[in-house]
Amino acid sequence: MTGRFITFEGIDGAGKSTHIEPAAARLRGVGRSVTVTREPGGTELAESLRKAILHTPMDGITETLLVFAARRDHIGRIIAPALARGEVVLCDRFTDATFAYQGFGRGQDLALLDRLEAAVQQGLQPDLTLWFDLDPEVAAQRRAAARAADRFEAEDLAFFERVRAGYVARMNAAAHRFVRVDASLDRREVERRVVEALNAHVGG
């Protein structure tokens, strides 16, 4: 079987992480081998960089470079080998998040992000991106009820409005691989739409 690379995207609180394990279970149930991973993270090095990115104060360029350094190790050690084995890789965030958070949210140079994306990924892009779209104010309410905030979750509403605009821009630039999921719907309906998208792109 051909490997498939599927990413789950959205602002903090949109619920993407809630749906990734059920999606993996469904795919395994129809006979697919599945790797579930996340960004930043997925490898020992990338997880250590994740801790720094989420909790250590730094400027925007440093943050961006650390995100791409983690991604490079993650691709080489986890994502590319799993795809070569014909697995379905489900990844909680990938480069769309970098453009949304570091590019639009932090205001980093999009041309720099383009160059880093090309150098680090060497053409690798998701086959399908499920974008869990939710009003930033609603997402903030969900986050506040769920957990203590990290550096990103502690940002103000205007930051998350810019992040959402970044996701819209990425979707418009790559509409062939994006499926927008209305994350304001109840959990069962969101799950139904995720399954529908997986059926269309992976089968089973």
Protein backbone atom coordinates (compact mmCIF):
# COMPACT_ATOMS: atom_id res chain seq x y z
CA MET A 1 0.00 0.00 0.00
CA THR A 2 1.06 3.57 -0.58
CA GLY A 3 1.86 5.64 2.48
CA ARG A 4 -0.37 8.59 3.28
CA PHE A 5 0.61 11.68 5.25
CA ILE A 6 -2.34 13.29 7.05
CA THR A 7 -2.05 16.34 9.29
CA PHE A 8 -4.44 17.67 11.91
CA GLU A 9 -4.33 21.46 12.24
CA GLY A 10 -6.08 24.22 14.15
CA ILE A 11 -5.66 26.79 16.87
CA ASP A 12 -5.24 25.67 20.46
CA GLY A 13 -8.59 24.55 21.82
CA ALA A 14 -10.13 23.59 18.47
CA GLY A 15 -10.16 19.89 19.36
CA LYS A 16 -7.83 18.44 16.73
CA SER A 17 -5.88 16.35 19.25
CA THR A 18 -9.13 14.82 20.54
CA HIS A 19 -9.88 13.30 17.13
CA ILE A 20 -6.49 11.97 16.09
CA GLU A 21 -6.54 8.73 18.14
CA PRO A 22 -10.09 7.76 17.08
CA ALA A 23 -9.02 8.37 13.46
CA ALA A 24 -6.01 6.10 13.98
CA ALA A 25 -8.19 3.39 15.52
CA ARG A 26 -10.58 3.53 12.59
CA LEU A 27 -7.77 3.20 10.04
CA ARG A 28 -6.24 0.28 11.94
CA GLY A 29 -9.67 -1.32 11.96
CA VAL A 30 -9.67 -1.41 8.15
CA GLY A 31 -6.20 -2.93 8.01
CA ARG A 32 -3.90 0.08 7.71
CA SER A 33 -0.67 0.43 9.67
CA VAL A 34 -0.72 3.82 11.36
CA THR A 35 1.88 6.04 13.01
CA VAL A 36 0.54 8.81 15.24
CA THR A 37 2.93 11.63 16.02
CA ARG A 38 3.03 15.35 16.72
CA GLU A 39 4.88 18.60 16.12
CA PRO A 40 6.95 19.95 17.58
CA GLY A 41 7.95 16.50 18.79
CA GLY A 42 7.92 12.89 17.73
CA THR A 43 11.58 12.13 18.44
CA GLU A 44 13.74 12.50 21.54
CA LEU A 45 15.47 15.57 20.12
CA ALA A 46 12.28 17.14 18.83
CA GLU A 47 10.48 16.58 22.15
CA SER A 48 13.28 18.36 24.01
CA LEU A 49 13.00 21.26 21.55
CA ARG A 50 9.23 21.25 22.07
CA LYS A 51 9.69 21.89 25.79
CA ALA A 52 11.92 24.87 25.04
CA ILE A 53 9.56 26.25 22.39
CA LEU A 54 6.50 26.02 24.64
CA HIS A 55 8.02 27.22 27.90
CA THR A 56 11.23 29.23 27.35
CA PRO A 57 11.05 32.92 26.37
CA MET A 58 12.75 33.58 23.01
CA ASP A 59 12.45 35.84 20.00
CA GLY A 60 10.47 34.94 16.90
CA ILE A 61 13.39 33.96 14.68
CA THR A 62 14.85 31.65 17.33
CA GLU A 63 11.44 30.06 17.80
CA THR A 64 11.03 29.55 14.07
CA LEU A 65 14.46 27.97 13.66
CA LEU A 66 13.85 25.59 16.56
CA VAL A 67 10.52 24.52 15.06
CA PHE A 68 12.17 23.68 11.75
CA ALA A 69 15.11 21.94 13.47
CA ALA A 70 12.64 19.72 15.33
CA ARG A 71 10.79 19.09 12.06
CA ARG A 72 13.94 18.04 10.22
CA ASP A 73 14.75 15.38 12.82
CA HIS A 74 11.11 14.29 12.95
CA ILE A 75 10.88 13.81 9.19
CA GLY A 76 14.13 11.89 8.97
CA ARG A 77 13.53 9.57 11.91
CA ILE A 78 9.75 9.06 11.97
CA ILE A 79 7.68 10.45 9.10
CA ALA A 80 9.72 9.50 6.02
CA PRO A 81 10.50 5.93 7.17
CA ALA A 82 6.84 5.28 8.05
CA LEU A 83 5.67 6.55 4.66
CA ALA A 84 8.29 4.39 2.95
CA ARG A 85 6.82 1.37 4.76
CA GLY A 86 3.40 2.23 3.33
CA GLU A 87 1.92 3.44 6.61
CA VAL A 88 -0.59 6.18 7.23
CA VAL A 89 1.07 8.93 9.26
CA LEU A 90 -1.28 11.06 11.35
CA CYS A 91 0.54 14.14 12.59
CA ASP A 92 -0.80 16.63 15.12
CA ARG A 93 0.38 19.82 13.37
CA PHE A 94 3.00 20.32 10.66
CA THR A 95 4.24 23.26 8.59
CA ASP A 96 0.85 24.92 8.16
CA ALA A 97 1.04 25.59 11.91
CA THR A 98 4.43 27.23 11.49
CA PHE A 99 3.10 29.63 8.88
CA ALA A 100 0.02 30.29 11.02
CA TYR A 101 1.74 30.72 14.39
CA GLN A 102 5.24 31.98 13.60
CA GLY A 103 4.39 33.64 10.29
CA PHE A 104 1.03 35.26 10.89
CA GLY A 105 0.89 35.14 14.69
CA ARG A 106 4.46 36.27 15.41
CA GLY A 107 4.90 38.27 12.20
CA GLN A 108 7.95 36.39 10.95
CA ASP A 109 9.03 36.83 7.33
CA LEU A 110 6.97 34.48 5.17
CA ALA A 111 9.74 34.37 2.55
CA LEU A 112 12.11 33.03 5.23
CA LEU A 113 9.55 30.39 6.16
CA ASP A 114 9.24 29.44 2.49
CA ARG A 115 13.02 28.92 2.27
CA LEU A 116 13.16 26.89 5.46
CA GLU A 117 10.19 24.78 4.36
CA ALA A 118 11.92 23.95 1.07
CA ALA A 119 15.27 23.13 2.70
CA VAL A 120 13.89 21.07 5.58
CA GLN A 121 11.09 19.17 3.83
CA GLN A 122 12.59 18.72 0.36
CA GLY A 123 9.16 18.53 -1.22
CA LEU A 124 7.34 16.59 1.49
CA GLN A 125 3.80 17.87 1.97
CA PRO A 126 0.69 16.31 3.54
CA ASP A 127 -1.64 14.35 1.30
CA LEU A 128 -4.54 15.60 3.43
CA THR A 129 -4.82 18.36 6.01
CA LEU A 130 -7.82 18.39 8.33
CA TRP A 131 -8.18 21.95 9.56
CA PHE A 132 -10.30 22.20 12.70
CA ASP A 133 -11.66 25.72 12.40
CA LEU A 134 -13.06 27.39 15.50
CA ASP A 135 -13.75 30.97 16.53
CA PRO A 136 -10.73 32.07 18.62
CA GLU A 137 -12.94 33.33 21.45
CA VAL A 138 -14.66 29.95 21.77
CA ALA A 139 -11.28 28.20 21.62
CA ALA A 140 -10.01 30.43 24.44
CA GLN A 141 -12.96 29.43 26.62
CA ARG A 142 -12.23 25.75 25.97
CA ARG A 143 -8.53 26.15 26.79
CA ALA A 144 -9.24 28.00 30.03
CA ALA A 145 -11.47 25.15 31.18
CA ALA A 146 -9.03 22.42 30.22
CA ARG A 147 -5.46 23.24 31.27
CA ALA A 148 -2.79 25.71 32.34
CA ALA A 149 -1.53 27.84 29.47
CA ASP A 150 1.85 27.50 27.75
CA ARG A 151 3.61 30.39 25.94
CA PHE A 152 1.27 30.18 22.96
CA GLU A 153 -1.98 29.50 24.79
CA ALA A 154 -1.32 32.54 26.99
CA GLU A 155 -1.39 34.87 23.97
CA ASP A 156 -4.27 37.30 23.55
CA LEU A 157 -7.29 36.98 21.27
CA ALA A 158 -5.71 39.17 18.58
CA PHE A 159 -2.83 36.70 18.28
CA PHE A 160 -5.20 33.81 17.63
CA GLU A 161 -7.17 35.87 15.14
CA ARG A 162 -3.94 36.31 13.19
CA VAL A 163 -3.17 32.60 13.51
CA ARG A 164 -6.60 31.72 12.13
CA ALA A 165 -5.99 34.11 9.22
CA GLY A 166 -2.75 32.23 8.58
CA TYR A 167 -4.64 28.95 8.31
CA VAL A 168 -7.11 30.55 5.91
CA ALA A 169 -4.20 31.73 3.74
CA ARG A 170 -2.61 28.29 3.72
CA MET A 171 -5.92 26.65 2.82
CA ASN A 172 -6.48 29.08 -0.03
CA ALA A 173 -2.98 28.36 -1.36
CA ALA A 174 -3.39 24.55 -1.19
CA ALA A 175 -7.11 23.90 -1.45
CA HIS A 176 -6.50 20.47 -3.03
CA ARG A 177 -5.26 19.00 0.27
CA PHE A 178 -7.29 20.94 2.85
CA VAL A 179 -10.59 19.87 4.36
CA ARG A 180 -12.09 22.45 6.71
CA VAL A 181 -13.85 20.87 9.69
CA ASP A 182 -16.27 23.09 11.58
CA ALA A 183 -15.00 22.51 15.12
CA SER A 184 -17.97 24.33 16.68
CA LEU A 185 -20.19 21.33 15.95
CA ASP A 186 -20.77 18.61 18.53
CA ARG A 187 -18.08 15.99 18.89
CA ARG A 188 -20.01 13.23 17.12
CA GLU A 189 -20.63 15.38 14.04
CA VAL A 190 -17.00 16.49 13.93
CA GLU A 191 -15.94 12.85 14.10
CA ARG A 192 -18.35 11.98 11.26
CA ARG A 193 -16.78 14.63 9.06
CA VAL A 194 -13.28 13.42 9.90
CA VAL A 195 -14.26 9.87 8.91
CA GLU A 196 -15.80 11.17 5.68
CA ALA A 197 -12.55 12.93 4.77
CA LEU A 198 -10.47 9.86 5.61
CA ASN A 199 -12.71 7.66 3.47
CA ALA A 200 -12.25 10.01 0.53
CA HIS A 201 -8.46 10.24 0.83
CA VAL A 202 -7.38 6.91 2.33
CA GLY A 203 -10.26 4.54 1.69
CA GLY A 204 -11.60 1.74 3.76
